[in-house]
Amino acid sequence: MQAEYDSISKEKSKTATELAYAEVISYNRKNLERELQNESRQHNRQQGKTKRREEEI
């Protein structure tokens, strides 16, 4: 009975670790997407400012 309990406990720990990895990967993916969108918006704003300056000249 103890051996079975140990085996289940070990499997539970492994599953918890894998779940934590999956959660971190999911968070990192969403964070990367957010950062890329921010960079894109910033780049577009910068181009808009440059274009307006050129039009003023």
Protein backbone atom coordinates (compact mmCIF):
# COMPACT_ATOMS: atom_id res chain seq x y z
CA MET A 1 0.00 0.00 0.00
CA GLN A 2 2.83 2.42 0.86
CA ALA A 3 4.59 1.73 -2.46
CA GLU A 4 1.39 2.54 -4.33
CA TYR A 5 0.96 5.74 -2.32
CA ASP A 6 4.56 6.76 -3.07
CA SER A 7 4.03 6.09 -6.75
CA ILE A 8 0.85 8.17 -6.83
CA SER A 9 2.53 10.95 -4.87
CA LYS A 10 5.46 11.02 -7.30
CA GLU A 11 3.07 11.15 -10.28
CA LYS A 12 1.11 13.94 -8.58
CA SER A 13 4.31 15.97 -8.12
CA LYS A 14 5.30 15.42 -11.74
CA THR A 15 1.85 16.50 -12.96
CA ALA A 16 1.93 19.62 -10.75
CA THR A 17 5.35 20.56 -12.13
CA GLU A 18 4.22 20.08 -15.73
CA LEU A 19 1.13 22.19 -15.05
CA ALA A 20 3.31 24.96 -13.62
CA TYR A 21 5.51 24.84 -16.72
CA ALA A 22 2.44 25.09 -18.95
CA GLU A 23 1.13 28.07 -16.98
CA VAL A 24 4.47 29.88 -17.23
CA ILE A 25 4.68 29.23 -20.96
CA SER A 26 1.11 30.48 -21.43
CA TYR A 27 1.83 33.64 -19.43
CA ASN A 28 5.07 34.27 -21.34
CA ARG A 29 3.29 33.83 -24.70
CA LYS A 30 0.57 36.32 -23.76
CA ASN A 31 3.15 38.75 -22.39
CA LEU A 32 5.23 38.50 -25.57
CA GLU A 33 2.15 39.18 -27.70
CA ARG A 34 1.36 42.23 -25.55
CA GLU A 35 4.92 43.55 -25.81
CA LEU A 36 4.99 43.06 -29.60
CA GLN A 37 1.69 44.95 -29.93
CA ASN A 38 3.08 47.79 -27.81
CA GLU A 39 6.23 47.96 -29.94
CA SER A 40 4.14 47.99 -33.10
CA ARG A 41 1.96 50.83 -31.79
CA GLN A 42 5.02 52.77 -30.72
CA HIS A 43 6.62 52.27 -34.13
CA ASN A 44 3.43 53.40 -35.88
CA ARG A 45 3.20 56.51 -33.67
CA GLN A 46 6.82 57.34 -34.41
CA GLN A 47 6.23 57.00 -38.16
CA GLY A 48 3.17 59.24 -37.84
CA LYS A 49 5.20 61.93 -36.07
CA THR A 50 7.92 61.73 -38.73
CA LYS A 51 5.35 61.97 -41.51
CA ARG A 52 3.73 65.05 -39.93
CA ARG A 53 7.13 66.75 -39.58
CA GLU A 54 7.88 66.08 -43.24
CA GLU A 55 4.53 67.54 -44.22
CA GLU A 56 5.24 70.68 -42.17
CA ILE A 57 8.51 71.22 -43.99
